[in-house]
Protein backbone atom coordinates (compact mmCIF):
# COMPACT_ATOMS: atom_id res chain seq x y z
CA UNK A 1 141.76 217.15 129.86
CA UNK A 2 140.66 216.40 133.41
CA UNK A 3 140.50 220.13 134.19
CA UNK A 4 138.50 220.74 131.01
CA UNK A 5 135.88 218.23 132.12
CA UNK A 6 135.71 219.87 135.54
CA UNK A 7 135.21 223.29 133.98
CA UNK A 8 132.53 221.87 131.72
CA UNK A 9 130.65 220.46 134.72
CA UNK A 10 130.82 223.83 136.49
CA UNK A 11 129.61 225.62 133.38
CA UNK A 12 126.77 223.16 132.94
CA UNK A 13 125.75 223.62 136.56
CA UNK A 14 125.63 227.37 136.02
CA UNK A 15 123.35 226.83 133.03
CA UNK A 16 120.86 224.85 135.10
CA UNK A 17 119.07 227.99 136.20
CA UNK A 18 119.48 229.85 132.95
CA UNK A 19 118.69 227.38 130.18
CA UNK A 20 115.07 226.73 129.37
CA UNK A 21 114.01 223.14 128.91
CA UNK A 22 111.99 222.15 125.87
CA UNK A 23 109.90 219.71 127.86
CA UNK A 24 112.03 216.74 128.95
CA UNK A 25 112.84 217.08 132.66
CA UNK A 26 115.91 214.88 132.21
CA UNK A 27 117.41 217.47 129.87
CA UNK A 28 117.26 220.95 131.45
CA UNK A 29 120.37 221.95 129.46
CA UNK A 30 118.85 221.11 126.09
CA UNK A 31 119.72 224.36 124.26
CA UNK A 32 123.38 224.07 125.25
CA UNK A 33 123.40 220.31 124.65
CA UNK A 34 121.95 220.69 121.17
CA UNK A 35 124.70 223.13 120.28
CA UNK A 36 127.42 220.77 121.48
CA UNK A 37 125.70 217.86 119.73
CA UNK A 38 125.69 219.80 116.45
CA UNK A 39 129.40 220.58 116.91
CA UNK A 40 130.17 216.90 117.57
CA UNK A 41 128.21 215.87 114.48
CA UNK A 42 130.30 218.20 112.31
CA UNK A 43 133.54 216.87 113.80
CA UNK A 44 132.31 213.36 113.11
CA UNK A 45 131.23 214.20 109.57
CA UNK A 46 134.50 215.84 108.53
CA UNK A 47 137.06 213.99 110.67
CA UNK A 48 136.04 210.88 112.58
CA UNK A 49 133.84 209.23 109.96
CA UNK A 50 136.39 209.63 107.12
CA UNK A 51 139.15 208.28 109.39
CA UNK A 52 137.00 205.30 110.33
CA UNK A 53 136.11 204.63 106.70
CA UNK A 54 139.77 204.80 105.72
CA UNK A 55 140.72 202.46 108.55
CA UNK A 56 138.07 199.96 107.45
CA UNK A 57 139.19 200.25 103.82
CA UNK A 58 142.87 199.50 104.45
CA UNK A 59 142.75 197.18 107.47
CA UNK A 60 142.07 193.50 106.78
CA UNK A 61 139.20 192.00 108.75
CA UNK A 62 141.53 189.98 110.97
CA UNK A 63 143.41 193.17 111.88
CA UNK A 64 140.17 194.96 112.79
CA UNK A 65 139.14 191.99 114.92
CA UNK A 66 142.53 191.79 116.62
CA UNK A 67 142.55 195.51 117.43
CA UNK A 68 138.99 195.30 118.78
CA UNK A 69 139.90 192.29 120.93
CA UNK A 70 143.05 193.98 122.22
CA UNK A 71 141.18 197.02 123.52
CA UNK A 72 138.35 194.88 124.83
CA UNK A 73 140.92 192.98 126.87
CA UNK A 74 142.31 196.24 128.28
CA UNK A 75 138.79 197.37 129.14
CA UNK A 76 138.32 194.21 131.21
CA UNK A 77 140.67 195.74 133.81
CA UNK A 78 138.15 198.54 134.44
CA UNK A 79 135.20 196.16 134.14
CA UNK A 80 136.69 193.86 136.76
CA UNK A 81 137.41 196.73 139.15
CA UNK A 82 133.86 198.06 138.89
CA UNK A 83 132.30 194.63 139.34
CA UNK A 84 134.30 194.24 142.54
CA UNK A 85 133.33 197.74 143.70
CA UNK A 86 129.70 196.67 143.26
CA UNK A 87 130.40 193.46 145.23
CA UNK A 88 129.63 191.35 142.14
CA UNK A 89 132.28 188.85 143.14
CA UNK A 90 131.34 186.11 140.66
CA UNK A 91 131.45 188.53 137.73
CA UNK A 92 134.67 190.09 138.96
CA UNK A 93 136.26 186.66 139.22
CA UNK A 94 135.10 185.85 135.70
CA UNK A 95 136.61 189.14 134.48
CA UNK A 96 139.93 188.22 136.11
CA UNK A 97 139.87 184.85 134.37
CA UNK A 98 139.11 186.55 131.03
CA UNK A 99 142.10 188.84 131.54
CA UNK A 100 144.39 185.98 132.47
CA UNK A 101 143.36 183.79 129.56
CA UNK A 102 143.27 186.45 126.84
CA UNK A 103 146.47 188.16 128.00
CA UNK A 104 148.40 184.88 127.80
CA UNK A 105 146.80 182.34 125.48
CA UNK A 106 145.21 185.14 123.47
CA UNK A 107 148.53 186.89 122.72
CA UNK A 108 147.94 190.06 124.79
CA UNK A 109 144.25 190.01 123.94
CA UNK A 110 144.50 189.89 120.15
CA UNK A 111 142.49 186.66 120.32
CA UNK A 112 139.36 186.34 122.46
CA UNK A 113 139.97 182.83 123.72
CA UNK A 114 138.03 183.50 126.94
CA UNK A 115 134.69 183.95 125.14
CA UNK A 116 135.20 180.65 123.36
CA UNK A 117 135.73 179.08 126.80
CA UNK A 118 132.39 180.47 128.00
CA UNK A 119 133.77 183.41 130.01
CA UNK A 120 131.24 186.09 129.09
CA UNK A 121 132.24 189.70 128.46
CA UNK A 122 130.66 192.09 130.97
CA UNK A 123 129.91 195.80 130.71
CA UNK A 124 130.63 197.83 133.84
CA UNK A 125 132.12 201.28 134.45
CA UNK A 126 132.35 203.72 137.33
CA UNK A 127 129.22 205.57 136.25
CA UNK A 128 127.32 202.30 136.67
CA UNK A 129 129.03 201.73 140.02
CA UNK A 130 127.83 205.13 141.24
CA UNK A 131 124.33 204.29 140.02
CA UNK A 132 124.48 200.86 141.66
CA UNK A 133 125.05 202.55 145.03
CA UNK A 134 122.11 204.89 144.56
CA UNK A 135 123.48 208.02 142.86
CA UNK A 136 121.03 209.34 140.29
CA UNK A 137 122.17 210.15 136.79
CA UNK A 138 121.52 213.87 137.10
CA UNK A 139 120.84 216.03 134.03
CA UNK A 140 121.66 214.78 130.56
CA UNK A 141 124.92 216.30 129.34
CA UNK A 142 126.58 216.29 125.91
CA UNK A 143 130.37 216.55 126.17
CA UNK A 144 132.44 218.19 123.41
CA UNK A 145 134.03 215.43 121.30
CA UNK A 146 133.14 212.77 123.91
CA UNK A 147 129.42 212.73 123.17
CA UNK A 148 126.28 211.95 125.21
CA UNK A 149 126.60 211.51 128.96
CA UNK A 150 125.11 212.76 132.24
CA UNK A 151 126.51 214.47 135.32
CA UNK A 152 127.00 211.11 137.07
CA UNK A 153 128.47 209.37 134.03
CA UNK A 154 130.84 212.27 133.38
CA UNK A 155 132.26 211.81 136.87
CA UNK A 156 132.55 208.10 136.12
CA UNK A 157 134.28 208.89 132.85
CA UNK A 158 136.96 210.88 134.67
CA UNK A 159 137.66 207.97 137.03
CA UNK A 160 137.67 205.30 134.32
CA UNK A 161 139.69 207.23 131.75
CA UNK A 162 142.17 209.07 133.94
CA UNK A 163 142.71 206.82 136.92
CA UNK A 164 141.81 203.27 135.86
CA UNK A 165 142.67 203.25 132.14
CA UNK A 166 145.49 200.76 131.44
CA UNK A 167 146.77 202.80 128.45
CA UNK A 168 147.86 205.58 130.81
CA UNK A 169 150.46 203.15 132.20
CA UNK A 170 152.40 203.42 128.92
CA UNK A 171 155.42 205.59 129.74
CA UNK A 172 156.15 206.88 126.24
CA UNK A 173 153.70 209.70 125.51
CA UNK A 174 153.86 209.22 121.73
CA UNK A 175 153.01 205.53 121.98
CA UNK A 176 150.29 206.30 124.52
CA UNK A 177 148.66 208.93 122.29
CA UNK A 178 148.82 206.72 119.19
CA UNK A 179 147.26 203.85 121.13
CA UNK A 180 144.41 206.04 122.30
CA UNK A 181 143.88 207.38 118.76
CA UNK A 182 143.74 203.84 117.37
CA UNK A 183 141.13 202.88 119.95
CA UNK A 184 138.95 205.88 119.04
CA UNK A 185 139.16 205.14 115.30
CA UNK A 186 138.52 201.43 115.85
CA UNK A 187 135.41 202.12 117.91
CA UNK A 188 134.10 204.61 115.35
CA UNK A 189 134.65 202.05 112.58
CA UNK A 190 132.56 199.54 114.53
CA UNK A 191 129.69 202.08 114.57
CA UNK A 192 129.74 203.05 110.90
CA UNK A 193 126.72 200.99 109.85
CA UNK A 194 124.69 201.71 112.99
CA UNK A 195 125.32 205.47 112.76
CA UNK A 196 124.23 205.59 109.13
CA UNK A 197 121.04 203.70 109.99
CA UNK A 198 120.24 206.13 112.81
CA UNK A 199 120.94 209.17 110.64
CA UNK A 200 118.62 207.79 107.96
CA UNK A 201 115.78 206.80 110.28
CA UNK A 202 115.74 209.35 113.12
CA UNK A 203 113.57 212.43 112.59
CA UNK A 204 115.50 214.22 115.36
CA UNK A 205 119.01 212.83 115.73
CA UNK A 206 119.60 214.69 118.99
CA UNK A 207 116.40 213.47 120.63
CA UNK A 208 116.95 209.89 119.48
CA UNK A 209 120.53 209.89 120.80
CA UNK A 210 119.46 211.37 124.14
CA UNK A 211 116.59 208.95 124.72
CA UNK A 212 118.60 205.92 123.63
CA UNK A 213 121.58 206.90 125.81
CA UNK A 214 119.55 207.54 128.95
CA UNK A 215 117.49 204.35 128.61
CA UNK A 216 120.56 202.24 127.83
CA UNK A 217 122.47 203.62 130.81
CA UNK A 218 119.50 203.02 133.09
CA UNK A 219 119.26 199.43 131.90
CA UNK A 220 122.99 198.89 132.45
CA UNK A 221 122.86 200.23 136.01
CA UNK A 222 120.12 197.73 136.84
CA UNK A 223 121.69 194.86 134.86
CA UNK A 224 118.88 194.83 132.33
CA UNK A 225 116.07 194.84 134.92
CA UNK A 226 115.31 198.51 135.68
CA UNK A 227 112.38 199.22 138.01
CA UNK A 228 109.24 200.59 136.47
CA UNK A 229 109.17 204.36 136.40
CA UNK A 230 106.40 206.04 138.36
CA UNK A 231 103.81 207.85 136.26
């Protein structure tokens, strides 16, 4: 998988000079990106959405919540590491406390006791860390199956998912793969209502997804206070 992402980045770089942009300078690979986006939408329509709907139909609410909390607790490992890499010591300390509380009192994270204690959940990843230290996002990039990203965030994805992901520490490959599959289905189930609303309201699903993703990532890099863009 790591090699596939590397090949994708090289292919995208080669397209930089050959793909014509339809007007947005952030998206010089738009023709290629639209094709991958359309492919992802079909995979979602015929595979991911039905799986998520089935999961929601058979899983009691408390199970959904427990699964969501469990993976959120695992994600706090990466969040903590990236807060510390950005020298956000107070947030990193809070993340450590969340991990300690939820992993013990919260029964391996099935219960989110830390939030009830006032330890707020943060959102940090290595793409944000690279942005924090001045690396620009680079061109918008849609990844097969993985969805909207950018050159910088794709590099961050590799680090977070293949070097810092706690699930990779599971020795048994079958258990590891099933755990990853459950996380994907759980996250898609959480987005069922939002995705339907976007599909119903957006005139151009691709353009809406691109603009929302780029603006959201920019806001996250600057902790909700991005500088004003020059005209």
